């Protein structure tokens, strides 16, 4: 199992890459980036019939910061040592589903609403490009395949015509030879 950090919207998204390339995404950093209550979101995930069944927990080494303390300003926050923490994760393929179900609330700050809408918009675009990008590529490949099959069919037809023309030419050649050989002049 390997931990990777992926930059997305100026945030580090922590991913756990397991055997056979399975990717699980840690939920808390996304919640922190969006300004969401991570405990509430994890509870929502856990209670969801599908997401709850897919959620998992990995021990991940994370850099913890000392933010949101009265004695430390935003610009000078101090980084503590990386420490192993048990973190709730979702498989990558379920991440968009979770983000889509987060409802905008009147109690959210405007910044949180804007970030959440931006994330959702990017999720929609990602899904669209995944499916329709693949569909477009598939259509292009189908068109190429059809053109090649038509070309092969034409070659097949040409082959038949060529074979018929060869047979005609061979019969004509055989008649010429037969006529030439049978009409030999005789002396008597």
N, C-alpha and C. Protein backbone atom coordinates (compact mmCIF):
# COMPACT_ATOMS: atom_id res chain seq x y z
N UNK A 1 0.85 -1.17 0.00
CA UNK A 1 0.00 0.00 0.00
C UNK A 1 0.90 1.24 0.00
N UNK A 2 0.55 2.21 -0.86
CA UNK A 2 1.36 3.40 -1.02
C UNK A 2 0.45 4.62 -0.91
N UNK A 3 0.94 5.66 -0.25
CA UNK A 3 0.18 6.90 -0.11
C UNK A 3 0.73 7.92 -1.09
N UNK A 4 -0.18 8.57 -1.81
CA UNK A 4 0.20 9.62 -2.75
C UNK A 4 -0.62 10.86 -2.46
N UNK A 5 -0.03 12.00 -2.76
CA UNK A 5 -0.74 13.26 -2.61
C UNK A 5 -0.93 13.86 -3.99
N UNK A 6 -2.18 14.23 -4.29
CA UNK A 6 -2.51 14.79 -5.60
C UNK A 6 -2.99 16.21 -5.39
N UNK A 7 -2.42 17.16 -6.15
CA UNK A 7 -2.85 18.56 -6.06
C UNK A 7 -4.15 18.72 -6.83
N UNK A 8 -5.15 19.31 -6.18
CA UNK A 8 -6.43 19.59 -6.82
C UNK A 8 -6.99 20.86 -6.18
N UNK A 9 -7.23 21.90 -6.97
CA UNK A 9 -7.75 23.17 -6.45
C UNK A 9 -6.89 23.70 -5.30
N UNK A 10 -5.61 23.67 -5.47
CA UNK A 10 -4.66 24.17 -4.46
C UNK A 10 -4.73 23.41 -3.14
N UNK A 11 -5.21 22.19 -3.18
CA UNK A 11 -5.26 21.36 -1.97
C UNK A 11 -4.57 20.04 -2.27
N UNK A 12 -4.05 19.44 -1.22
CA UNK A 12 -3.45 18.12 -1.35
C UNK A 12 -4.52 17.08 -1.03
N UNK A 13 -4.86 16.28 -2.02
CA UNK A 13 -5.81 15.20 -1.83
C UNK A 13 -4.97 13.94 -1.61
N UNK A 14 -5.20 13.29 -0.50
CA UNK A 14 -4.41 12.11 -0.15
C UNK A 14 -5.10 10.86 -0.68
N UNK A 15 -4.34 10.08 -1.42
CA UNK A 15 -4.85 8.84 -1.99
C UNK A 15 -4.01 7.67 -1.50
N UNK A 16 -4.67 6.56 -1.29
CA UNK A 16 -3.99 5.34 -0.90
C UNK A 16 -4.11 4.37 -2.08
N UNK A 17 -2.96 4.01 -2.63
CA UNK A 17 -2.95 3.11 -3.78
C UNK A 17 -2.63 1.72 -3.25
N UNK A 18 -3.59 0.83 -3.42
CA UNK A 18 -3.44 -0.53 -2.90
C UNK A 18 -3.00 -1.49 -3.98
N UNK A 19 -3.13 -2.77 -3.64
CA UNK A 19 -2.80 -3.81 -4.60
C UNK A 19 -3.68 -3.68 -5.82
N UNK A 20 -3.14 -4.07 -6.94
CA UNK A 20 -3.86 -4.09 -8.21
C UNK A 20 -4.33 -2.69 -8.63
N UNK A 21 -3.70 -1.63 -8.08
CA UNK A 21 -4.00 -0.27 -8.51
C UNK A 21 -5.27 0.34 -7.94
N UNK A 22 -5.93 -0.31 -6.98
CA UNK A 22 -7.15 0.24 -6.38
C UNK A 22 -6.78 1.53 -5.64
N UNK A 23 -7.54 2.59 -5.90
CA UNK A 23 -7.25 3.89 -5.30
C UNK A 23 -8.37 4.28 -4.35
N UNK A 24 -7.99 4.54 -3.10
CA UNK A 24 -8.93 5.05 -2.10
C UNK A 24 -8.53 6.48 -1.78
N UNK A 25 -9.53 7.36 -1.66
CA UNK A 25 -9.28 8.78 -1.42
C UNK A 25 -9.67 9.11 0.01
N UNK A 26 -8.78 9.78 0.73
CA UNK A 26 -9.03 10.18 2.12
C UNK A 26 -10.03 11.34 2.11
N UNK A 27 -11.07 11.25 2.92
CA UNK A 27 -12.18 12.20 2.91
C UNK A 27 -11.87 13.50 3.65
N UNK A 28 -11.21 13.43 4.78
CA UNK A 28 -11.03 14.62 5.62
C UNK A 28 -10.35 15.78 4.91
N UNK A 29 -9.25 15.58 4.17
CA UNK A 29 -8.63 16.75 3.51
C UNK A 29 -9.56 17.44 2.51
N UNK A 30 -10.42 16.67 1.87
CA UNK A 30 -11.38 17.28 0.94
C UNK A 30 -12.38 18.12 1.72
N UNK A 31 -12.88 17.58 2.82
CA UNK A 31 -13.80 18.34 3.66
C UNK A 31 -13.14 19.62 4.16
N UNK A 32 -11.89 19.49 4.62
CA UNK A 32 -11.17 20.68 5.10
C UNK A 32 -11.02 21.71 3.99
N UNK A 33 -10.69 21.27 2.79
CA UNK A 33 -10.52 22.18 1.65
C UNK A 33 -11.83 22.89 1.33
N UNK A 34 -12.93 22.15 1.41
CA UNK A 34 -14.23 22.73 1.07
C UNK A 34 -14.86 23.51 2.22
N UNK A 35 -14.31 23.37 3.41
CA UNK A 35 -14.89 24.03 4.57
C UNK A 35 -16.09 23.29 5.13
N UNK A 36 -16.12 21.98 4.90
CA UNK A 36 -17.22 21.15 5.40
C UNK A 36 -16.84 20.50 6.72
N UNK A 37 -17.83 20.17 7.50
CA UNK A 37 -17.62 19.45 8.76
C UNK A 37 -17.30 17.99 8.40
N UNK A 38 -16.05 17.59 8.58
CA UNK A 38 -15.64 16.25 8.16
C UNK A 38 -16.36 15.17 8.96
N UNK A 39 -16.60 15.40 10.25
CA UNK A 39 -17.30 14.39 11.05
C UNK A 39 -18.71 14.15 10.50
N UNK A 40 -19.39 15.24 10.16
CA UNK A 40 -20.75 15.11 9.62
C UNK A 40 -20.73 14.38 8.28
N UNK A 41 -19.77 14.73 7.43
CA UNK A 41 -19.69 14.10 6.11
C UNK A 41 -19.37 12.61 6.25
N UNK A 42 -18.47 12.27 7.15
CA UNK A 42 -18.12 10.85 7.35
C UNK A 42 -19.34 10.09 7.89
N UNK A 43 -20.10 10.74 8.76
CA UNK A 43 -21.32 10.10 9.27
C UNK A 43 -22.31 9.89 8.12
N UNK A 44 -22.45 10.89 7.26
CA UNK A 44 -23.35 10.78 6.11
C UNK A 44 -22.91 9.64 5.19
N UNK A 45 -21.61 9.57 4.95
CA UNK A 45 -21.07 8.48 4.11
C UNK A 45 -21.36 7.13 4.74
N UNK A 46 -21.11 7.02 6.02
CA UNK A 46 -21.30 5.77 6.73
C UNK A 46 -22.77 5.33 6.70
N UNK A 47 -23.69 6.28 6.81
CA UNK A 47 -25.12 5.96 6.83
C UNK A 47 -25.69 5.68 5.45
N UNK A 48 -24.99 6.08 4.40
CA UNK A 48 -25.46 5.83 3.04
C UNK A 48 -25.31 4.35 2.71
N UNK A 49 -26.35 3.77 2.12
CA UNK A 49 -26.33 2.32 1.84
C UNK A 49 -25.18 1.92 0.92
N UNK A 50 -24.91 2.71 -0.09
CA UNK A 50 -23.86 2.35 -1.04
C UNK A 50 -22.50 2.82 -0.55
N UNK A 51 -22.39 4.11 -0.23
CA UNK A 51 -21.11 4.65 0.21
C UNK A 51 -20.64 4.00 1.50
N UNK A 52 -21.58 3.74 2.40
CA UNK A 52 -21.23 3.10 3.67
C UNK A 52 -20.62 1.72 3.46
N UNK A 53 -21.14 1.00 2.47
CA UNK A 53 -20.61 -0.34 2.19
C UNK A 53 -19.24 -0.26 1.53
N UNK A 54 -18.95 0.84 0.85
CA UNK A 54 -17.68 0.98 0.14
C UNK A 54 -16.60 1.67 0.96
N UNK A 55 -16.99 2.41 1.98
CA UNK A 55 -16.01 3.15 2.77
C UNK A 55 -15.04 2.21 3.44
N UNK A 56 -13.84 2.71 3.66
CA UNK A 56 -12.83 1.90 4.34
C UNK A 56 -11.97 2.85 5.19
N UNK A 57 -11.14 2.28 6.01
CA UNK A 57 -10.27 3.07 6.87
C UNK A 57 -8.84 2.62 6.61
N UNK A 58 -7.98 3.61 6.37
CA UNK A 58 -6.56 3.33 6.19
C UNK A 58 -5.77 4.16 7.20
N UNK A 59 -4.67 3.62 7.65
CA UNK A 59 -3.76 4.39 8.48
C UNK A 59 -2.83 5.13 7.54
N UNK A 60 -2.87 6.45 7.64
CA UNK A 60 -2.14 7.30 6.70
C UNK A 60 -1.30 8.28 7.50
N UNK A 61 -0.08 8.50 7.04
CA UNK A 61 0.78 9.51 7.66
C UNK A 61 0.42 10.86 7.06
N UNK A 62 -0.06 11.76 7.91
CA UNK A 62 -0.47 13.08 7.44
C UNK A 62 0.29 14.16 8.19
N UNK A 63 0.51 15.27 7.49
CA UNK A 63 1.12 16.43 8.13
C UNK A 63 0.00 17.22 8.78
N UNK A 64 0.06 17.35 10.06
CA UNK A 64 -0.97 18.09 10.78
C UNK A 64 -0.49 19.52 11.00
N UNK A 65 -1.38 20.48 10.79
CA UNK A 65 -1.00 21.87 11.00
C UNK A 65 -1.71 22.40 12.23
N UNK A 66 -1.11 23.41 12.80
CA UNK A 66 -1.70 24.03 13.98
C UNK A 66 -2.44 25.29 13.53
N UNK A 67 -3.52 25.09 12.83
CA UNK A 67 -4.34 26.20 12.36
C UNK A 67 -5.48 26.42 13.34
N UNK A 68 -6.18 27.48 13.10
CA UNK A 68 -7.39 27.79 13.85
C UNK A 68 -7.16 27.91 15.35
N UNK A 69 -5.94 28.30 15.70
CA UNK A 69 -5.65 28.56 17.11
C UNK A 69 -5.47 30.06 17.28
N UNK A 70 -5.93 30.61 18.34
CA UNK A 70 -5.87 32.06 18.51
C UNK A 70 -4.45 32.62 18.48
N UNK A 71 -3.47 31.82 18.91
CA UNK A 71 -2.11 32.33 19.00
C UNK A 71 -1.30 32.12 17.71
N UNK A 72 -1.89 31.57 16.68
CA UNK A 72 -1.17 31.31 15.44
C UNK A 72 -1.95 31.92 14.29
N UNK A 73 -1.30 32.80 13.52
CA UNK A 73 -2.00 33.43 12.39
C UNK A 73 -2.02 32.47 11.21
N UNK A 74 -2.90 32.75 10.25
CA UNK A 74 -3.06 31.92 9.05
C UNK A 74 -1.74 31.82 8.28
N UNK A 75 -1.02 32.95 8.18
CA UNK A 75 0.21 32.97 7.39
C UNK A 75 1.36 32.22 8.07
N UNK A 76 1.35 32.13 9.36
CA UNK A 76 2.49 31.54 10.06
C UNK A 76 2.14 30.24 10.75
N UNK A 77 1.15 29.51 10.21
CA UNK A 77 0.78 28.27 10.89
C UNK A 77 1.98 27.32 10.92
N UNK A 78 2.09 26.60 11.98
CA UNK A 78 3.23 25.71 12.18
C UNK A 78 2.84 24.29 11.80
N UNK A 79 3.79 23.58 11.19
CA UNK A 79 3.54 22.20 10.80
C UNK A 79 4.13 21.28 11.86
N UNK A 80 3.31 20.38 12.34
CA UNK A 80 3.81 19.36 13.26
C UNK A 80 4.34 18.20 12.46
N UNK A 81 4.97 17.29 13.12
CA UNK A 81 5.51 16.10 12.46
C UNK A 81 4.37 15.31 11.83
N UNK A 82 4.74 14.55 10.80
CA UNK A 82 3.73 13.67 10.22
C UNK A 82 3.46 12.56 11.21
N UNK A 83 2.21 12.26 11.37
CA UNK A 83 1.80 11.22 12.31
C UNK A 83 0.82 10.29 11.63
N UNK A 84 0.89 9.00 11.98
CA UNK A 84 -0.09 8.07 11.40
C UNK A 84 -1.47 8.32 12.02
N UNK A 85 -2.46 8.40 11.15
CA UNK A 85 -3.83 8.60 11.60
C UNK A 85 -4.74 7.65 10.83
N UNK A 86 -5.75 7.15 11.52
CA UNK A 86 -6.76 6.34 10.84
C UNK A 86 -7.70 7.31 10.14
N UNK A 87 -7.82 7.14 8.83
CA UNK A 87 -8.61 8.06 8.03
C UNK A 87 -9.66 7.29 7.23
N UNK A 88 -10.87 7.83 7.20
CA UNK A 88 -11.94 7.24 6.40
C UNK A 88 -11.69 7.59 4.94
N UNK A 89 -11.85 6.59 4.09
CA UNK A 89 -11.60 6.75 2.66
C UNK A 89 -12.77 6.21 1.86
N UNK A 90 -12.85 6.68 0.63
CA UNK A 90 -13.79 6.13 -0.35
C UNK A 90 -13.00 5.72 -1.57
N UNK A 91 -13.40 4.62 -2.22
CA UNK A 91 -12.77 4.29 -3.49
C UNK A 91 -12.97 5.45 -4.47
N UNK A 92 -11.97 5.70 -5.28
CA UNK A 92 -12.00 6.83 -6.20
C UNK A 92 -13.27 6.87 -7.04
N UNK A 93 -13.74 5.71 -7.48
CA UNK A 93 -14.91 5.70 -8.35
C UNK A 93 -16.20 6.13 -7.63
N UNK A 94 -16.19 6.21 -6.29
CA UNK A 94 -17.37 6.63 -5.54
C UNK A 94 -17.27 8.07 -5.04
N UNK A 95 -16.14 8.71 -5.27
CA UNK A 95 -15.91 10.06 -4.76
C UNK A 95 -16.91 11.06 -5.35
N UNK A 96 -17.11 11.02 -6.67
CA UNK A 96 -18.04 11.96 -7.30
C UNK A 96 -19.45 11.78 -6.75
N UNK A 97 -19.86 10.54 -6.53
CA UNK A 97 -21.20 10.29 -5.99
C UNK A 97 -21.39 10.94 -4.63
N UNK A 98 -20.35 10.87 -3.80
CA UNK A 98 -20.42 11.53 -2.49
C UNK A 98 -20.52 13.04 -2.66
N UNK A 99 -19.66 13.60 -3.51
CA UNK A 99 -19.67 15.06 -3.70
C UNK A 99 -21.01 15.55 -4.26
N UNK A 100 -21.60 14.76 -5.15
CA UNK A 100 -22.88 15.16 -5.74
C UNK A 100 -24.00 15.23 -4.70
N UNK A 101 -23.93 14.38 -3.69
CA UNK A 101 -25.04 14.35 -2.73
C UNK A 101 -24.91 15.40 -1.63
N UNK A 102 -23.80 16.11 -1.57
CA UNK A 102 -23.66 17.18 -0.56
C UNK A 102 -24.56 18.34 -0.97
N UNK A 103 -25.45 18.71 -0.10
CA UNK A 103 -26.41 19.78 -0.38
C UNK A 103 -25.86 21.12 0.11
N UNK A 104 -26.10 22.15 -0.68
CA UNK A 104 -25.75 23.49 -0.24
C UNK A 104 -26.72 23.87 0.88
N UNK A 105 -26.18 24.41 1.94
CA UNK A 105 -27.03 24.78 3.08
C UNK A 105 -26.91 26.28 3.33
N UNK A 106 -27.97 26.82 3.88
CA UNK A 106 -27.96 28.25 4.21
C UNK A 106 -26.92 28.58 5.26
N UNK A 107 -26.55 27.58 6.04
CA UNK A 107 -25.57 27.83 7.09
C UNK A 107 -24.13 27.82 6.57
N UNK A 108 -23.92 27.43 5.32
CA UNK A 108 -22.57 27.40 4.76
C UNK A 108 -22.11 28.81 4.43
N UNK A 109 -20.82 29.02 4.59
CA UNK A 109 -20.27 30.32 4.18
C UNK A 109 -20.30 30.40 2.65
N UNK A 110 -20.25 31.60 2.14
CA UNK A 110 -20.25 31.80 0.68
C UNK A 110 -19.02 31.14 0.06
N UNK A 111 -17.90 31.18 0.76
CA UNK A 111 -16.67 30.56 0.26
C UNK A 111 -16.84 29.04 0.14
N UNK A 112 -17.45 28.43 1.15
CA UNK A 112 -17.70 26.99 1.13
C UNK A 112 -18.65 26.63 -0.01
N UNK A 113 -19.72 27.42 -0.19
CA UNK A 113 -20.66 27.17 -1.28
C UNK A 113 -19.95 27.25 -2.63
N UNK A 114 -19.12 28.27 -2.79
CA UNK A 114 -18.41 28.46 -4.07
C UNK A 114 -17.46 27.30 -4.35
N UNK A 115 -16.74 26.86 -3.32
CA UNK A 115 -15.82 25.73 -3.50
C UNK A 115 -16.57 24.45 -3.82
N UNK A 116 -17.66 24.22 -3.11
CA UNK A 116 -18.45 23.01 -3.34
C UNK A 116 -19.03 23.00 -4.76
N UNK A 117 -19.56 24.13 -5.19
CA UNK A 117 -20.09 24.23 -6.55
C UNK A 117 -19.00 24.00 -7.58
N UNK A 118 -17.81 24.53 -7.32
CA UNK A 118 -16.68 24.34 -8.23
C UNK A 118 -16.30 22.87 -8.31
N UNK A 119 -16.22 22.20 -7.16
CA UNK A 119 -15.91 20.77 -7.13
C UNK A 119 -16.97 19.98 -7.91
N UNK A 120 -18.24 20.26 -7.64
CA UNK A 120 -19.31 19.53 -8.32
C UNK A 120 -19.25 19.76 -9.83
N UNK A 121 -19.02 21.00 -10.23
CA UNK A 121 -18.94 21.31 -11.66
C UNK A 121 -17.81 20.51 -12.31
N UNK A 122 -16.67 20.45 -11.64
CA UNK A 122 -15.53 19.69 -12.18
C UNK A 122 -15.85 18.19 -12.22
N UNK A 123 -16.60 17.72 -11.25
CA UNK A 123 -17.00 16.30 -11.25
C UNK A 123 -17.90 16.00 -12.44
N UNK A 124 -18.86 16.88 -12.70
CA UNK A 124 -19.75 16.69 -13.85
C UNK A 124 -18.93 16.65 -15.14
N UNK A 125 -18.02 17.61 -15.28
CA UNK A 125 -17.20 17.67 -16.50
C UNK A 125 -16.33 16.43 -16.64
N UNK A 126 -15.76 15.98 -15.53
CA UNK A 126 -14.92 14.79 -15.56
C UNK A 126 -15.72 13.58 -16.02
N UNK A 127 -16.90 13.41 -15.46
CA UNK A 127 -17.75 12.28 -15.87
C UNK A 127 -18.15 12.40 -17.33
N UNK A 128 -18.53 13.60 -17.76
CA UNK A 128 -18.93 13.80 -19.15
C UNK A 128 -17.77 13.44 -20.09
N UNK A 129 -16.59 13.99 -19.80
CA UNK A 129 -15.44 13.72 -20.67
C UNK A 129 -15.04 12.26 -20.65
N UNK A 130 -15.22 11.63 -19.51
CA UNK A 130 -14.87 10.21 -19.44
C UNK A 130 -15.77 9.40 -20.36
N UNK A 131 -17.08 9.59 -20.22
CA UNK A 131 -18.00 8.78 -20.99
C UNK A 131 -18.10 9.22 -22.45
N UNK A 132 -18.25 10.53 -22.68
CA UNK A 132 -18.43 10.98 -24.05
C UNK A 132 -17.10 11.08 -24.78
N UNK A 133 -16.02 11.31 -24.06
CA UNK A 133 -14.70 11.26 -24.69
C UNK A 133 -14.43 9.86 -25.20
N UNK A 134 -14.75 8.86 -24.38
CA UNK A 134 -14.60 7.47 -24.80
C UNK A 134 -15.57 7.13 -25.92
N UNK A 135 -16.78 7.68 -25.84
CA UNK A 135 -17.77 7.40 -26.88
C UNK A 135 -17.30 7.99 -28.20
N UNK A 136 -16.79 9.22 -28.17
CA UNK A 136 -16.30 9.85 -29.39
C UNK A 136 -15.16 9.03 -29.98
N UNK A 137 -14.26 8.60 -29.12
CA UNK A 137 -13.13 7.78 -29.58
C UNK A 137 -13.65 6.47 -30.17
N UNK A 138 -14.66 5.88 -29.53
CA UNK A 138 -15.22 4.62 -30.02
C UNK A 138 -15.88 4.82 -31.38
N UNK A 139 -16.59 5.94 -31.54
CA UNK A 139 -17.23 6.23 -32.82
C UNK A 139 -16.16 6.40 -33.91
N UNK A 140 -15.09 7.12 -33.59
CA UNK A 140 -14.00 7.30 -34.56
C UNK A 140 -13.39 5.95 -34.94
N UNK A 141 -13.17 5.10 -33.96
CA UNK A 141 -12.60 3.77 -34.23
C UNK A 141 -13.56 2.93 -35.06
N UNK A 142 -14.86 3.03 -34.77
CA UNK A 142 -15.87 2.31 -35.55
C UNK A 142 -15.86 2.77 -37.01
N UNK A 143 -15.76 4.09 -37.21
CA UNK A 143 -15.73 4.62 -38.57
C UNK A 143 -14.51 4.12 -39.33
N UNK A 144 -13.37 4.07 -38.67
CA UNK A 144 -12.14 3.55 -39.30
C UNK A 144 -12.32 2.08 -39.64
N UNK A 145 -12.90 1.32 -38.70
CA UNK A 145 -13.12 -0.11 -38.92
C UNK A 145 -14.06 -0.34 -40.10
N UNK A 146 -15.14 0.45 -40.18
CA UNK A 146 -16.09 0.32 -41.29
C UNK A 146 -15.40 0.62 -42.62
N UNK A 147 -14.59 1.68 -42.65
CA UNK A 147 -13.87 2.04 -43.88
C UNK A 147 -12.93 0.91 -44.31
N UNK A 148 -12.24 0.31 -43.34
CA UNK A 148 -11.33 -0.80 -43.66
C UNK A 148 -12.10 -2.03 -44.15
N UNK A 149 -13.23 -2.31 -43.53
CA UNK A 149 -14.04 -3.45 -43.97
C UNK A 149 -14.57 -3.22 -45.39
N UNK A 150 -15.00 -1.98 -45.68
CA UNK A 150 -15.46 -1.66 -47.03
C UNK A 150 -14.33 -1.81 -48.04
N UNK A 151 -13.13 -1.37 -47.64
CA UNK A 151 -11.97 -1.49 -48.52
C UNK A 151 -11.64 -2.97 -48.77
N UNK A 152 -11.68 -3.77 -47.71
CA UNK A 152 -11.43 -5.21 -47.86
C UNK A 152 -12.49 -5.86 -48.75
N UNK A 153 -13.75 -5.45 -48.61
CA UNK A 153 -14.81 -5.99 -49.45
C UNK A 153 -14.56 -5.62 -50.91
N UNK A 154 -14.13 -4.38 -51.16
CA UNK A 154 -13.83 -3.95 -52.53
C UNK A 154 -12.65 -4.77 -53.07
N UNK A 155 -11.63 -4.98 -52.23
CA UNK A 155 -10.50 -5.81 -52.68
C UNK A 155 -10.99 -7.22 -53.00
N UNK A 156 -11.91 -7.71 -52.18
CA UNK A 156 -12.48 -9.04 -52.44
C UNK A 156 -13.20 -9.08 -53.77
N UNK A 157 -14.01 -8.03 -54.02
CA UNK A 157 -14.70 -7.94 -55.32
C UNK A 157 -13.69 -7.82 -56.45
N UNK A 158 -12.68 -6.98 -56.26
CA UNK A 158 -11.63 -6.82 -57.27
C UNK A 158 -10.91 -8.14 -57.51
N UNK A 159 -10.72 -8.89 -56.45
CA UNK A 159 -10.04 -10.19 -56.55
C UNK A 159 -10.87 -11.14 -57.42
N UNK A 160 -12.19 -11.11 -57.23
CA UNK A 160 -13.08 -11.96 -58.02
C UNK A 160 -13.01 -11.53 -59.49
N UNK A 161 -13.08 -10.23 -59.73
CA UNK A 161 -13.01 -9.71 -61.10
C UNK A 161 -11.67 -10.07 -61.73
N UNK A 162 -10.60 -9.88 -60.97
CA UNK A 162 -9.27 -10.21 -61.48
C UNK A 162 -9.17 -11.71 -61.77
N UNK A 163 -9.69 -12.53 -60.88
CA UNK A 163 -9.64 -13.98 -61.09
C UNK A 163 -10.43 -14.36 -62.34
N UNK A 164 -11.61 -13.75 -62.54
CA UNK A 164 -12.42 -14.03 -63.74
C UNK A 164 -11.67 -13.58 -64.99
N UNK A 165 -11.06 -12.38 -64.94
CA UNK A 165 -10.30 -11.88 -66.08
C UNK A 165 -9.09 -12.76 -66.38
N UNK A 166 -8.46 -13.26 -65.31
CA UNK A 166 -7.32 -14.17 -65.52
C UNK A 166 -7.79 -15.45 -66.20
N UNK A 167 -8.93 -15.99 -65.75
CA UNK A 167 -9.46 -17.22 -66.36
C UNK A 167 -9.80 -16.99 -67.83
N UNK A 168 -10.43 -15.84 -68.13
CA UNK A 168 -10.75 -15.51 -69.52
C UNK A 168 -9.48 -15.43 -70.36
N UNK A 169 -8.47 -14.73 -69.80
CA UNK A 169 -7.21 -14.58 -70.53
C UNK A 169 -6.54 -15.94 -70.73
N UNK A 170 -6.59 -16.78 -69.71
CA UNK A 170 -5.98 -18.11 -69.83
C UNK A 170 -6.72 -18.95 -70.87
N UNK A 171 -8.07 -18.87 -70.89
CA UNK A 171 -8.84 -19.61 -71.91
C UNK A 171 -8.52 -19.09 -73.31
N UNK A 172 -8.45 -17.77 -73.43
CA UNK A 172 -8.13 -17.17 -74.73
C UNK A 172 -6.73 -17.59 -75.18
N UNK A 173 -5.78 -17.58 -74.24
CA UNK A 173 -4.42 -18.01 -74.55
C UNK A 173 -4.41 -19.48 -74.95
N UNK A 174 -5.18 -20.29 -74.26
CA UNK A 174 -5.25 -21.71 -74.58
C UNK A 174 -5.83 -21.91 -75.98
N UNK A 175 -6.86 -21.15 -76.36
CA UNK A 175 -7.44 -21.25 -77.70
C UNK A 175 -6.42 -20.84 -78.77
N UNK A 176 -5.70 -19.77 -78.50
CA UNK A 176 -4.69 -19.32 -79.47
C UNK A 176 -3.64 -20.41 -79.66
N UNK A 177 -3.18 -20.99 -78.58
CA UNK A 177 -2.17 -22.05 -78.68
C UNK A 177 -2.73 -23.26 -79.41
N UNK A 178 -3.96 -23.59 -79.07
CA UNK A 178 -4.58 -24.76 -79.71
C UNK A 178 -4.72 -24.52 -81.21
N UNK A 179 -5.17 -23.33 -81.56
CA UNK A 179 -5.34 -23.00 -82.98
C UNK A 179 -3.98 -22.99 -83.67
N UNK A 180 -3.01 -22.44 -83.08
CA UNK A 180 -1.68 -22.37 -83.67
C UNK A 180 -1.10 -23.75 -83.84
N UNK A 181 -1.28 -24.59 -82.86
CA UNK A 181 -0.69 -25.92 -82.91
C UNK A 181 -1.50 -26.86 -83.82
N UNK A 182 -2.77 -26.66 -83.96
CA UNK A 182 -3.57 -27.55 -84.79
C UNK A 182 -3.57 -27.14 -86.26
N UNK A 183 -3.30 -25.96 -86.57
CA UNK A 183 -3.28 -25.49 -87.95
C UNK A 183 -1.87 -25.45 -88.51
N UNK A 184 -1.10 -26.42 -88.19
CA UNK A 184 0.27 -26.48 -88.73
C UNK A 184 0.20 -26.84 -90.22
N UNK A 185 1.02 -26.21 -90.99
CA UNK A 185 1.00 -26.55 -92.42
C UNK A 185 1.48 -28.00 -92.62
N UNK A 186 0.90 -28.65 -93.55
CA UNK A 186 1.30 -30.00 -93.87
C UNK A 186 1.85 -30.04 -95.31
N UNK A 187 2.75 -30.96 -95.57
CA UNK A 187 3.32 -31.05 -96.90
C UNK A 187 2.44 -31.84 -97.84
N UNK A 188 1.78 -32.74 -97.40
CA UNK A 188 0.96 -33.58 -98.28
C UNK A 188 -0.45 -33.54 -97.90
